[in-house]
Amino acid sequence: MPLIHVTLLSGRSEEEITALGRALTEAAHTTLGTPREAIRVTVDECPPQHWFVGGTSVADKKAARDG
């Protein structure tokens, strides 16, 4: 039973998250031949102030960019 775990920055719509889950399920089914019913996808959303790139949060990078 494949488990696909995705972590995204928060802010996407429920429709986008649902489409991602379906697309990942289909990709695993097509690539691995696993029945769709056996594939698990989890999506975690992370706020920008908790996501760091090079030691700086995405929120701080955005604030610096936006001035």
N, C-alpha and C. Protein backbone atom coordinates (compact mmCIF):
# COMPACT_ATOMS: atom_id res chain seq x y z
N MET A 1 0.84 -1.17 0.00
CA MET A 1 0.00 0.00 0.00
C MET A 1 0.89 1.23 0.00
N PRO A 2 0.98 1.94 -1.13
CA PRO A 2 1.79 3.16 -1.17
C PRO A 2 1.15 4.27 -0.34
N LEU A 3 2.00 5.02 0.32
CA LEU A 3 1.58 6.22 1.04
C LEU A 3 2.38 7.38 0.45
N ILE A 4 1.67 8.35 -0.09
CA ILE A 4 2.29 9.54 -0.65
C ILE A 4 1.98 10.68 0.30
N HIS A 5 3.03 11.30 0.83
CA HIS A 5 2.86 12.39 1.79
C HIS A 5 3.38 13.67 1.15
N VAL A 6 2.54 14.71 1.14
CA VAL A 6 2.90 15.98 0.52
C VAL A 6 2.78 17.08 1.57
N THR A 7 3.76 17.96 1.62
CA THR A 7 3.69 19.14 2.47
C THR A 7 3.75 20.35 1.56
N LEU A 8 2.77 21.24 1.72
CA LEU A 8 2.65 22.44 0.90
C LEU A 8 2.56 23.66 1.78
N LEU A 9 2.96 24.80 1.24
CA LEU A 9 2.66 26.04 1.91
C LEU A 9 1.14 26.22 1.91
N SER A 10 0.59 26.73 2.98
CA SER A 10 -0.85 26.90 3.06
C SER A 10 -1.31 27.96 2.07
N GLY A 11 -2.60 27.90 1.73
CA GLY A 11 -3.17 28.91 0.86
C GLY A 11 -3.82 28.38 -0.39
N ARG A 12 -3.77 27.08 -0.61
CA ARG A 12 -4.43 26.52 -1.78
C ARG A 12 -5.88 26.19 -1.47
N SER A 13 -6.69 26.18 -2.51
CA SER A 13 -8.12 25.90 -2.33
C SER A 13 -8.35 24.41 -2.12
N GLU A 14 -9.51 24.08 -1.58
CA GLU A 14 -9.88 22.67 -1.40
C GLU A 14 -9.91 21.96 -2.75
N GLU A 15 -10.35 22.67 -3.79
CA GLU A 15 -10.40 22.08 -5.13
C GLU A 15 -9.00 21.71 -5.63
N GLU A 16 -8.03 22.57 -5.36
CA GLU A 16 -6.65 22.27 -5.77
C GLU A 16 -6.09 21.08 -5.00
N ILE A 17 -6.36 21.03 -3.71
CA ILE A 17 -5.87 19.91 -2.89
C ILE A 17 -6.51 18.60 -3.35
N THR A 18 -7.81 18.65 -3.62
CA THR A 18 -8.51 17.45 -4.10
C THR A 18 -7.94 17.00 -5.44
N ALA A 19 -7.72 17.94 -6.35
CA ALA A 19 -7.16 17.60 -7.66
C ALA A 19 -5.77 16.99 -7.51
N LEU A 20 -4.97 17.52 -6.60
CA LEU A 20 -3.64 16.96 -6.36
C LEU A 20 -3.74 15.52 -5.84
N GLY A 21 -4.61 15.30 -4.87
CA GLY A 21 -4.77 13.95 -4.33
C GLY A 21 -5.20 12.95 -5.39
N ARG A 22 -6.11 13.36 -6.23
CA ARG A 22 -6.56 12.47 -7.32
C ARG A 22 -5.46 12.22 -8.33
N ALA A 23 -4.72 13.28 -8.69
CA ALA A 23 -3.65 13.13 -9.68
C ALA A 23 -2.52 12.24 -9.15
N LEU A 24 -2.17 12.39 -7.88
CA LEU A 24 -1.12 11.55 -7.29
C LEU A 24 -1.57 10.10 -7.20
N THR A 25 -2.84 9.90 -6.86
CA THR A 25 -3.38 8.54 -6.82
C THR A 25 -3.30 7.90 -8.20
N GLU A 26 -3.71 8.65 -9.20
CA GLU A 26 -3.68 8.12 -10.57
C GLU A 26 -2.25 7.84 -11.03
N ALA A 27 -1.32 8.74 -10.68
CA ALA A 27 0.08 8.52 -11.07
C ALA A 27 0.65 7.26 -10.43
N ALA A 28 0.35 7.04 -9.15
CA ALA A 28 0.84 5.83 -8.47
C ALA A 28 0.19 4.59 -9.07
N HIS A 29 -1.10 4.68 -9.36
CA HIS A 29 -1.80 3.54 -9.97
C HIS A 29 -1.18 3.19 -11.33
N THR A 30 -0.97 4.22 -12.16
CA THR A 30 -0.43 4.00 -13.50
C THR A 30 1.01 3.51 -13.46
N THR A 31 1.82 4.08 -12.59
CA THR A 31 3.25 3.75 -12.52
C THR A 31 3.52 2.43 -11.84
N LEU A 32 2.81 2.20 -10.73
CA LEU A 32 3.09 1.01 -9.92
C LEU A 32 2.12 -0.14 -10.15
N GLY A 33 0.99 0.16 -10.76
CA GLY A 33 -0.02 -0.88 -10.97
C GLY A 33 -0.80 -1.21 -9.72
N THR A 34 -0.69 -0.39 -8.70
CA THR A 34 -1.40 -0.60 -7.44
C THR A 34 -2.86 -0.21 -7.61
N PRO A 35 -3.79 -1.00 -7.08
CA PRO A 35 -5.19 -0.59 -7.15
C PRO A 35 -5.38 0.76 -6.45
N ARG A 36 -6.20 1.61 -7.04
CA ARG A 36 -6.44 2.94 -6.47
C ARG A 36 -6.88 2.85 -5.01
N GLU A 37 -7.68 1.86 -4.68
CA GLU A 37 -8.21 1.71 -3.32
C GLU A 37 -7.12 1.44 -2.29
N ALA A 38 -5.95 1.03 -2.75
CA ALA A 38 -4.85 0.71 -1.83
C ALA A 38 -3.86 1.87 -1.68
N ILE A 39 -4.08 2.95 -2.42
CA ILE A 39 -3.15 4.08 -2.41
C ILE A 39 -3.64 5.13 -1.42
N ARG A 40 -2.76 5.61 -0.60
CA ARG A 40 -3.07 6.64 0.40
C ARG A 40 -2.30 7.90 0.07
N VAL A 41 -2.96 9.04 0.15
CA VAL A 41 -2.32 10.34 -0.05
C VAL A 41 -2.68 11.22 1.14
N THR A 42 -1.67 11.81 1.75
CA THR A 42 -1.91 12.78 2.81
C THR A 42 -1.31 14.11 2.39
N VAL A 43 -2.01 15.18 2.74
CA VAL A 43 -1.55 16.53 2.41
C VAL A 43 -1.53 17.34 3.70
N ASP A 44 -0.38 17.85 4.04
CA ASP A 44 -0.23 18.76 5.18
C ASP A 44 0.05 20.15 4.62
N GLU A 45 -0.56 21.13 5.25
CA GLU A 45 -0.29 22.51 4.88
C GLU A 45 0.51 23.18 6.00
N CYS A 46 1.48 23.96 5.58
CA CYS A 46 2.39 24.61 6.52
C CYS A 46 2.29 26.12 6.33
N PRO A 47 2.12 26.87 7.41
CA PRO A 47 2.07 28.33 7.26
C PRO A 47 3.45 28.86 6.85
N PRO A 48 3.47 29.96 6.08
CA PRO A 48 4.75 30.48 5.58
C PRO A 48 5.75 30.85 6.68
N GLN A 49 5.24 31.21 7.85
CA GLN A 49 6.18 31.56 8.93
C GLN A 49 6.86 30.33 9.54
N HIS A 50 6.39 29.14 9.18
CA HIS A 50 7.01 27.90 9.68
C HIS A 50 7.80 27.16 8.60
N TRP A 51 7.91 27.73 7.42
CA TRP A 51 8.62 27.11 6.29
C TRP A 51 9.88 27.95 6.05
N PHE A 52 11.03 27.32 6.18
CA PHE A 52 12.29 28.06 6.08
C PHE A 52 13.08 27.63 4.85
N VAL A 53 13.66 28.61 4.20
CA VAL A 53 14.54 28.38 3.06
C VAL A 53 15.83 29.14 3.35
N GLY A 54 16.91 28.42 3.45
CA GLY A 54 18.18 29.07 3.75
C GLY A 54 18.19 29.80 5.08
N GLY A 55 17.38 29.31 6.03
CA GLY A 55 17.35 29.89 7.37
C GLY A 55 16.39 31.06 7.55
N THR A 56 15.69 31.44 6.48
CA THR A 56 14.74 32.55 6.56
C THR A 56 13.35 32.02 6.21
N SER A 57 12.35 32.44 6.99
CA SER A 57 11.00 31.95 6.72
C SER A 57 10.49 32.52 5.39
N VAL A 58 9.60 31.78 4.77
CA VAL A 58 8.98 32.24 3.53
C VAL A 58 8.20 33.53 3.79
N ALA A 59 7.58 33.64 4.95
CA ALA A 59 6.85 34.86 5.30
C ALA A 59 7.79 36.07 5.34
N ASP A 60 8.97 35.89 5.94
CA ASP A 60 9.93 36.99 5.99
C ASP A 60 10.47 37.33 4.61
N LYS A 61 10.71 36.31 3.78
CA LYS A 61 11.19 36.55 2.42
C LYS A 61 10.14 37.34 1.63
N LYS A 62 8.87 36.97 1.79
CA LYS A 62 7.79 37.68 1.08
C LYS A 62 7.69 39.11 1.58
N ALA A 63 7.77 39.31 2.88
CA ALA A 63 7.69 40.66 3.44
C ALA A 63 8.83 41.53 2.93
N ALA A 64 10.03 40.98 2.84
CA ALA A 64 11.18 41.72 2.33
C ALA A 64 11.00 42.06 0.85
N ARG A 65 10.43 41.14 0.11
CA ARG A 65 10.20 41.34 -1.32
C ARG A 65 9.13 42.41 -1.56
N ASP A 66 8.07 42.39 -0.73
CA ASP A 66 6.96 43.31 -0.90
C ASP A 66 7.23 44.69 -0.33
N GLY A 67 8.31 44.78 0.42
CA GLY A 67 8.76 46.06 0.92
C GLY A 67 8.09 46.54 2.12
